[in-house]
Amino acid sequence: MPFRRTAGVPSLDIEGAHADGRAGETKMFESAGVVLAVLLPFLIIAAGLLAALAWAVSDHATPPSVARIADDARHGRPVGTGALVATWLVLTGLTLWCGYVLAFVVVHALLFTFGSDVALVGLVVSAAFLIATPIAWGLLLRRQSRAAAQH
């Protein structure tokens, strides 16, 4: 028995358009989701870098609340350690996501421009970057928390 469509129930065909001929909204939402998923980490990192640059240029001292959290982290107290771990997770996640997107684009550009041998080198370099990212953020945050706790 062939499939019968029930009258009055909107359905989507393979192309994403409604059965009654209206343009499909699913494609619009899918493309907006992709753009948001790709651009949002870059925007968050850019905003963080601008805030850090503004803080560094302003010559303001470390706020007491940040120094207290850094001191708690240095002494192994749960609040400071939790804040440090949460910061590490966010920075590592954002950097890995942005690094993955950039590596994806660069490796494909190398593949289509110079061939598979050069793309393999690019893939190895990007893998080394992605593996080193959590370690580098951990060392940097540990050093910064110790420096902030001493001031």
N, C-alpha and C. Protein backbone atom coordinates (compact mmCIF):
# COMPACT_ATOMS: atom_id res chain seq x y z
N MET A 1 0.85 -1.18 0.00
CA MET A 1 0.00 0.00 0.00
C MET A 1 0.89 1.24 0.00
N PRO A 2 0.72 2.14 -0.94
CA PRO A 2 1.55 3.34 -0.99
C PRO A 2 1.25 4.26 0.18
N PHE A 3 2.23 5.09 0.49
CA PHE A 3 2.10 6.05 1.59
C PHE A 3 1.09 7.12 1.22
N ARG A 4 0.15 7.37 2.14
CA ARG A 4 -0.86 8.41 1.90
C ARG A 4 -0.64 9.54 2.87
N ARG A 5 -0.64 10.74 2.36
CA ARG A 5 -0.46 11.91 3.18
C ARG A 5 -1.81 12.32 3.76
N THR A 6 -1.80 12.60 5.07
CA THR A 6 -3.02 13.04 5.73
C THR A 6 -3.25 14.50 5.41
N ALA A 7 -4.46 14.85 5.07
CA ALA A 7 -4.79 16.23 4.71
C ALA A 7 -4.64 17.14 5.92
N GLY A 8 -4.07 18.31 5.73
CA GLY A 8 -3.96 19.30 6.79
C GLY A 8 -2.71 19.17 7.64
N VAL A 9 -1.92 18.12 7.45
CA VAL A 9 -0.71 17.94 8.24
C VAL A 9 0.48 18.35 7.38
N PRO A 10 1.21 19.40 7.79
CA PRO A 10 2.35 19.81 6.98
C PRO A 10 3.47 18.78 7.07
N SER A 11 4.11 18.54 5.97
CA SER A 11 5.23 17.61 5.96
C SER A 11 6.34 18.20 5.10
N LEU A 12 7.55 17.75 5.35
CA LEU A 12 8.70 18.23 4.59
C LEU A 12 9.14 17.16 3.62
N ASP A 13 9.44 17.57 2.41
CA ASP A 13 10.01 16.60 1.49
C ASP A 13 11.52 16.60 1.65
N ILE A 14 12.21 15.91 0.77
CA ILE A 14 13.66 15.74 0.91
C ILE A 14 14.39 17.07 0.81
N GLU A 15 13.92 17.99 0.00
CA GLU A 15 14.59 19.26 -0.21
C GLU A 15 14.37 20.25 0.92
N GLY A 16 13.50 19.96 1.86
CA GLY A 16 13.26 20.86 2.97
C GLY A 16 12.13 21.83 2.74
N ALA A 17 11.40 21.70 1.62
CA ALA A 17 10.26 22.57 1.36
C ALA A 17 9.00 21.88 1.86
N HIS A 18 8.05 22.66 2.27
CA HIS A 18 6.78 22.10 2.71
C HIS A 18 6.04 21.52 1.53
N ALA A 19 5.17 20.56 1.81
CA ALA A 19 4.42 19.90 0.74
C ALA A 19 3.52 20.86 -0.01
N ASP A 20 3.09 21.92 0.64
CA ASP A 20 2.20 22.87 -0.04
C ASP A 20 2.97 23.91 -0.85
N GLY A 21 4.28 23.77 -0.99
CA GLY A 21 5.05 24.63 -1.85
C GLY A 21 5.77 25.76 -1.16
N ARG A 22 5.54 26.00 0.15
CA ARG A 22 6.25 27.08 0.84
C ARG A 22 7.72 26.73 0.95
N ALA A 23 8.56 27.75 0.96
CA ALA A 23 10.00 27.53 1.13
C ALA A 23 10.25 26.96 2.52
N GLY A 24 11.15 26.02 2.60
CA GLY A 24 11.42 25.37 3.88
C GLY A 24 12.20 26.26 4.82
N GLU A 25 11.81 26.25 6.07
CA GLU A 25 12.52 27.03 7.08
C GLU A 25 13.65 26.23 7.69
N THR A 26 13.67 24.92 7.47
CA THR A 26 14.72 24.11 8.08
C THR A 26 16.09 24.46 7.55
N LYS A 27 16.21 24.71 6.27
CA LYS A 27 17.52 25.05 5.71
C LYS A 27 18.04 26.34 6.31
N MET A 28 17.15 27.31 6.51
CA MET A 28 17.58 28.58 7.09
C MET A 28 18.10 28.35 8.51
N PHE A 29 17.39 27.57 9.30
CA PHE A 29 17.82 27.35 10.67
C PHE A 29 19.07 26.49 10.73
N GLU A 30 19.21 25.54 9.82
CA GLU A 30 20.42 24.72 9.80
C GLU A 30 21.63 25.58 9.45
N SER A 31 21.51 26.45 8.46
CA SER A 31 22.65 27.27 8.08
C SER A 31 22.97 28.30 9.16
N ALA A 32 21.97 28.84 9.84
CA ALA A 32 22.22 29.77 10.93
C ALA A 32 22.91 29.05 12.09
N GLY A 33 22.52 27.81 12.34
CA GLY A 33 23.17 27.04 13.41
C GLY A 33 24.62 26.75 13.10
N VAL A 34 24.92 26.47 11.84
CA VAL A 34 26.30 26.21 11.44
C VAL A 34 27.13 27.48 11.59
N VAL A 35 26.60 28.59 11.13
CA VAL A 35 27.32 29.86 11.25
C VAL A 35 27.56 30.20 12.72
N LEU A 36 26.54 30.01 13.54
CA LEU A 36 26.67 30.29 14.96
C LEU A 36 27.69 29.36 15.61
N ALA A 37 27.67 28.08 15.26
CA ALA A 37 28.60 27.12 15.85
C ALA A 37 30.04 27.41 15.44
N VAL A 38 30.23 27.95 14.26
CA VAL A 38 31.59 28.24 13.80
C VAL A 38 32.05 29.60 14.33
N LEU A 39 31.20 30.60 14.32
CA LEU A 39 31.63 31.95 14.68
C LEU A 39 31.61 32.24 16.17
N LEU A 40 30.72 31.63 16.92
CA LEU A 40 30.58 31.96 18.34
C LEU A 40 31.88 31.76 19.13
N PRO A 41 32.59 30.64 18.99
CA PRO A 41 33.85 30.52 19.74
C PRO A 41 34.86 31.61 19.38
N PHE A 42 34.93 31.97 18.10
CA PHE A 42 35.86 33.02 17.70
C PHE A 42 35.46 34.37 18.31
N LEU A 43 34.17 34.65 18.36
CA LEU A 43 33.71 35.90 18.96
C LEU A 43 33.98 35.93 20.46
N ILE A 44 33.80 34.81 21.14
CA ILE A 44 34.08 34.75 22.58
C ILE A 44 35.56 34.97 22.85
N ILE A 45 36.40 34.35 22.06
CA ILE A 45 37.85 34.53 22.23
C ILE A 45 38.25 35.97 21.93
N ALA A 46 37.69 36.54 20.88
CA ALA A 46 38.02 37.94 20.54
C ALA A 46 37.60 38.88 21.66
N ALA A 47 36.42 38.66 22.23
CA ALA A 47 35.96 39.51 23.33
C ALA A 47 36.86 39.34 24.56
N GLY A 48 37.26 38.12 24.84
CA GLY A 48 38.16 37.87 25.97
C GLY A 48 39.52 38.52 25.78
N LEU A 49 40.05 38.42 24.56
CA LEU A 49 41.34 39.04 24.29
C LEU A 49 41.27 40.56 24.39
N LEU A 50 40.19 41.14 23.89
CA LEU A 50 40.02 42.60 24.02
C LEU A 50 39.90 43.02 25.47
N ALA A 51 39.18 42.25 26.27
CA ALA A 51 39.05 42.57 27.69
C ALA A 51 40.40 42.44 28.41
N ALA A 52 41.16 41.40 28.09
CA ALA A 52 42.48 41.23 28.71
C ALA A 52 43.43 42.34 28.28
N LEU A 53 43.36 42.73 27.02
CA LEU A 53 44.20 43.82 26.55
C LEU A 53 43.83 45.13 27.22
N ALA A 54 42.55 45.40 27.36
CA ALA A 54 42.12 46.63 28.03
C ALA A 54 42.55 46.63 29.49
N TRP A 55 42.50 45.48 30.15
CA TRP A 55 42.91 45.37 31.54
C TRP A 55 44.42 45.59 31.67
N ALA A 56 45.19 45.01 30.72
CA ALA A 56 46.65 45.14 30.77
C ALA A 56 47.08 46.57 30.48
N VAL A 57 46.43 47.24 29.56
CA VAL A 57 46.79 48.61 29.19
C VAL A 57 46.41 49.59 30.29
N SER A 58 45.36 49.29 31.04
CA SER A 58 44.88 50.24 32.05
C SER A 58 45.76 50.29 33.30
N ASP A 59 46.69 49.39 33.46
CA ASP A 59 47.62 49.33 34.60
C ASP A 59 46.90 49.20 35.94
N HIS A 60 45.72 48.59 35.95
CA HIS A 60 45.01 48.34 37.19
C HIS A 60 45.58 47.10 37.86
N ALA A 61 45.57 47.09 39.16
CA ALA A 61 46.04 45.93 39.91
C ALA A 61 45.02 44.79 39.80
N THR A 62 45.46 43.61 40.17
CA THR A 62 44.56 42.46 40.17
C THR A 62 43.46 42.71 41.19
N PRO A 63 42.19 42.55 40.79
CA PRO A 63 41.11 42.75 41.75
C PRO A 63 41.24 41.79 42.94
N PRO A 64 40.83 42.23 44.12
CA PRO A 64 40.97 41.38 45.31
C PRO A 64 40.25 40.04 45.17
N SER A 65 39.11 40.02 44.50
CA SER A 65 38.38 38.76 44.35
C SER A 65 39.17 37.77 43.51
N VAL A 66 39.83 38.25 42.45
CA VAL A 66 40.65 37.36 41.61
C VAL A 66 41.88 36.90 42.38
N ALA A 67 42.50 37.81 43.12
CA ALA A 67 43.67 37.44 43.92
C ALA A 67 43.30 36.42 44.99
N ARG A 68 42.11 36.55 45.58
CA ARG A 68 41.68 35.60 46.60
C ARG A 68 41.44 34.21 46.00
N ILE A 69 40.83 34.18 44.82
CA ILE A 69 40.61 32.89 44.15
C ILE A 69 41.94 32.26 43.78
N ALA A 70 42.88 33.07 43.29
CA ALA A 70 44.21 32.55 42.95
C ALA A 70 44.91 32.04 44.20
N ASP A 71 44.76 32.74 45.31
CA ASP A 71 45.36 32.29 46.57
C ASP A 71 44.73 30.98 47.02
N ASP A 72 43.40 30.87 46.89
CA ASP A 72 42.72 29.62 47.23
C ASP A 72 43.20 28.48 46.34
N ALA A 73 43.41 28.75 45.08
CA ALA A 73 43.89 27.70 44.16
C ALA A 73 45.31 27.28 44.51
N ARG A 74 46.13 28.26 44.91
CA ARG A 74 47.52 27.94 45.26
C ARG A 74 47.59 27.06 46.49
N HIS A 75 46.65 27.26 47.43
CA HIS A 75 46.63 26.47 48.65
C HIS A 75 45.75 25.23 48.54
N GLY A 76 45.20 24.97 47.39
CA GLY A 76 44.42 23.76 47.17
C GLY A 76 43.02 23.80 47.75
N ARG A 77 42.48 24.97 48.01
CA ARG A 77 41.11 25.07 48.52
C ARG A 77 40.13 24.82 47.37
N PRO A 78 38.97 24.21 47.68
CA PRO A 78 38.05 23.80 46.60
C PRO A 78 37.54 24.94 45.72
N VAL A 79 37.23 26.10 46.29
CA VAL A 79 36.69 27.20 45.48
C VAL A 79 37.71 27.67 44.46
N GLY A 80 38.92 27.88 44.89
CA GLY A 80 39.96 28.34 43.97
C GLY A 80 40.33 27.29 42.94
N THR A 81 40.40 26.04 43.39
CA THR A 81 40.73 24.97 42.46
C THR A 81 39.62 24.78 41.45
N GLY A 82 38.37 24.86 41.91
CA GLY A 82 37.24 24.74 40.98
C GLY A 82 37.21 25.85 39.96
N ALA A 83 37.50 27.08 40.39
CA ALA A 83 37.53 28.21 39.45
C ALA A 83 38.66 28.04 38.44
N LEU A 84 39.79 27.54 38.90
CA LEU A 84 40.91 27.33 38.00
C LEU A 84 40.61 26.22 36.98
N VAL A 85 39.99 25.14 37.46
CA VAL A 85 39.63 24.04 36.56
C VAL A 85 38.57 24.48 35.56
N ALA A 86 37.58 25.24 36.01
CA ALA A 86 36.54 25.73 35.10
C ALA A 86 37.13 26.65 34.04
N THR A 87 38.04 27.52 34.45
CA THR A 87 38.71 28.40 33.49
C THR A 87 39.51 27.59 32.48
N TRP A 88 40.21 26.58 32.97
CA TRP A 88 40.99 25.72 32.08
C TRP A 88 40.09 25.00 31.09
N LEU A 89 38.95 24.49 31.56
CA LEU A 89 38.03 23.78 30.67
C LEU A 89 37.48 24.70 29.58
N VAL A 90 37.08 25.90 29.96
CA VAL A 90 36.50 26.83 28.98
C VAL A 90 37.56 27.25 27.96
N LEU A 91 38.73 27.63 28.44
CA LEU A 91 39.78 28.07 27.51
C LEU A 91 40.24 26.93 26.60
N THR A 92 40.38 25.74 27.17
CA THR A 92 40.80 24.60 26.37
C THR A 92 39.74 24.25 25.33
N GLY A 93 38.49 24.23 25.74
CA GLY A 93 37.41 23.91 24.80
C GLY A 93 37.31 24.90 23.66
N LEU A 94 37.36 26.19 23.99
CA LEU A 94 37.29 27.21 22.94
C LEU A 94 38.49 27.15 22.00
N THR A 95 39.68 26.95 22.57
CA THR A 95 40.87 26.88 21.74
C THR A 95 40.87 25.65 20.85
N LEU A 96 40.43 24.51 21.40
CA LEU A 96 40.37 23.30 20.59
C LEU A 96 39.35 23.44 19.46
N TRP A 97 38.20 24.04 19.76
CA TRP A 97 37.19 24.20 18.72
C TRP A 97 37.70 25.12 17.61
N CYS A 98 38.24 26.27 17.99
CA CYS A 98 38.76 27.20 16.98
C CYS A 98 39.94 26.59 16.23
N GLY A 99 40.82 25.89 16.97
CA GLY A 99 41.95 25.23 16.32
C GLY A 99 41.50 24.17 15.33
N TYR A 100 40.45 23.43 15.71
CA TYR A 100 39.92 22.41 14.80
C TYR A 100 39.37 23.04 13.53
N VAL A 101 38.60 24.10 13.67
CA VAL A 101 38.01 24.76 12.50
C VAL A 101 39.11 25.32 11.60
N LEU A 102 40.10 25.97 12.19
CA LEU A 102 41.20 26.52 11.39
C LEU A 102 42.01 25.40 10.74
N ALA A 103 42.29 24.34 11.49
CA ALA A 103 43.05 23.22 10.93
C ALA A 103 42.28 22.57 9.78
N PHE A 104 40.99 22.44 9.94
CA PHE A 104 40.16 21.86 8.88
C PHE A 104 40.29 22.67 7.59
N VAL A 105 40.18 23.98 7.71
CA VAL A 105 40.26 24.85 6.53
C VAL A 105 41.67 24.83 5.94
N VAL A 106 42.68 24.94 6.80
CA VAL A 106 44.06 25.01 6.31
C VAL A 106 44.49 23.69 5.67
N VAL A 107 44.16 22.57 6.30
CA VAL A 107 44.56 21.27 5.74
C VAL A 107 43.87 21.04 4.40
N HIS A 108 42.62 21.43 4.28
CA HIS A 108 41.96 21.27 2.99
C HIS A 108 42.54 22.22 1.94
N ALA A 109 42.89 23.42 2.35
CA ALA A 109 43.53 24.34 1.40
C ALA A 109 44.88 23.78 0.93
N LEU A 110 45.64 23.22 1.88
CA LEU A 110 46.91 22.60 1.50
C LEU A 110 46.70 21.40 0.58
N LEU A 111 45.67 20.62 0.88
CA LEU A 111 45.39 19.44 0.06
C LEU A 111 45.05 19.82 -1.37
N PHE A 112 44.18 20.79 -1.54
CA PHE A 112 43.75 21.15 -2.89
C PHE A 112 44.75 22.03 -3.62
N THR A 113 45.67 22.67 -2.88
CA THR A 113 46.65 23.53 -3.52
C THR A 113 47.95 22.79 -3.82
N PHE A 114 48.49 22.06 -2.82
CA PHE A 114 49.81 21.46 -2.97
C PHE A 114 49.81 19.93 -3.02
N GLY A 115 48.73 19.30 -2.68
CA GLY A 115 48.67 17.85 -2.76
C GLY A 115 48.65 17.18 -1.39
N SER A 116 48.60 15.86 -1.43
CA SER A 116 48.38 15.09 -0.21
C SER A 116 49.60 15.05 0.71
N ASP A 117 50.81 15.13 0.16
CA ASP A 117 52.00 15.08 1.01
C ASP A 117 52.09 16.31 1.92
N VAL A 118 51.86 17.48 1.36
CA VAL A 118 51.90 18.71 2.15
C VAL A 118 50.71 18.75 3.12
N ALA A 119 49.57 18.25 2.69
CA ALA A 119 48.40 18.21 3.57
C ALA A 119 48.65 17.28 4.76
N LEU A 120 49.39 16.20 4.55
CA LEU A 120 49.73 15.29 5.65
C LEU A 120 50.62 16.00 6.67
N VAL A 121 51.57 16.79 6.20
CA VAL A 121 52.41 17.57 7.12
C VAL A 121 51.55 18.56 7.90
N GLY A 122 50.64 19.23 7.21
CA GLY A 122 49.74 20.15 7.89
C GLY A 122 48.86 19.45 8.90
N LEU A 123 48.44 18.24 8.59
CA LEU A 123 47.62 17.47 9.52
C LEU A 123 48.41 17.08 10.76
N VAL A 124 49.66 16.71 10.59
CA VAL A 124 50.51 16.35 11.74
C VAL A 124 50.77 17.58 12.61
N VAL A 125 51.05 18.71 11.99
CA VAL A 125 51.28 19.95 12.74
C VAL A 125 50.03 20.37 13.50
N SER A 126 48.87 20.28 12.86
CA SER A 126 47.63 20.66 13.56
C SER A 126 47.30 19.67 14.67
N ALA A 127 47.60 18.39 14.50
CA ALA A 127 47.39 17.42 15.57
C ALA A 127 48.30 17.72 16.76
N ALA A 128 49.54 18.10 16.48
CA ALA A 128 50.46 18.46 17.57
C ALA A 128 49.95 19.69 18.32
N PHE A 129 49.43 20.66 17.59
CA PHE A 129 48.85 21.85 18.23
C PHE A 129 47.66 21.47 19.12
N LEU A 130 46.78 20.63 18.61
CA LEU A 130 45.60 20.25 19.37
C LEU A 130 45.96 19.41 20.59
N ILE A 131 46.99 18.60 20.50
CA ILE A 131 47.42 17.80 21.65
C ILE A 131 48.09 18.69 22.70
N ALA A 132 48.85 19.69 22.26
CA ALA A 132 49.57 20.55 23.19
C ALA A 132 48.69 21.61 23.85
N THR A 133 47.50 21.87 23.31
CA THR A 133 46.64 22.93 23.81
C THR A 133 46.27 22.77 25.29
N PRO A 134 45.75 21.63 25.74
CA PRO A 134 45.39 21.52 27.16
C PRO A 134 46.58 21.67 28.09
N ILE A 135 47.72 21.15 27.68
CA ILE A 135 48.93 21.23 28.51
C ILE A 135 49.38 22.68 28.62
N ALA A 136 49.39 23.38 27.49
CA ALA A 136 49.83 24.78 27.50
C ALA A 136 48.91 25.65 28.35
N TRP A 137 47.59 25.47 28.23
CA TRP A 137 46.66 26.26 29.05
C TRP A 137 46.84 25.93 30.53
N GLY A 138 47.04 24.67 30.84
CA GLY A 138 47.25 24.29 32.24
C GLY A 138 48.48 24.94 32.83
N LEU A 139 49.58 24.90 32.11
CA LEU A 139 50.82 25.51 32.61
C LEU A 139 50.67 27.03 32.74
N LEU A 140 50.04 27.65 31.75
CA LEU A 140 49.86 29.10 31.79
C LEU A 140 48.97 29.53 32.96
N LEU A 141 47.85 28.84 33.14
CA LEU A 141 46.95 29.19 34.24
C LEU A 141 47.59 28.93 35.60
N ARG A 142 48.35 27.88 35.70
CA ARG A 142 49.03 27.58 36.97
C ARG A 142 50.04 28.68 37.31
N ARG A 143 50.80 29.10 36.30
CA ARG A 143 51.78 30.16 36.52
C ARG A 143 51.09 31.48 36.86
N GLN A 144 50.01 31.80 36.15
CA GLN A 144 49.30 33.05 36.41
C GLN A 144 48.65 33.05 37.79
N SER A 145 48.11 31.92 38.22
CA SER A 145 47.47 31.89 39.54
C SER A 145 48.51 32.05 40.65
N ARG A 146 49.68 31.48 40.45
CA ARG A 146 50.75 31.66 41.45
C ARG A 146 51.24 33.11 41.47
N ALA A 147 51.36 33.72 40.31
CA ALA A 147 51.80 35.12 40.25
C ALA A 147 50.76 36.06 40.86
N ALA A 148 49.48 35.79 40.60
CA ALA A 148 48.42 36.64 41.16
C ALA A 148 48.31 36.46 42.67
N ALA A 149 48.60 35.28 43.18
CA ALA A 149 48.51 35.04 44.62
C ALA A 149 49.66 35.71 45.38
N GLN A 150 50.79 35.93 44.71
CA GLN A 150 51.94 36.53 45.37
C GLN A 150 51.83 38.05 45.42
N HIS A 151 50.98 38.65 44.57
CA HIS A 151 50.87 40.12 44.57
C HIS A 151 49.92 40.59 45.59
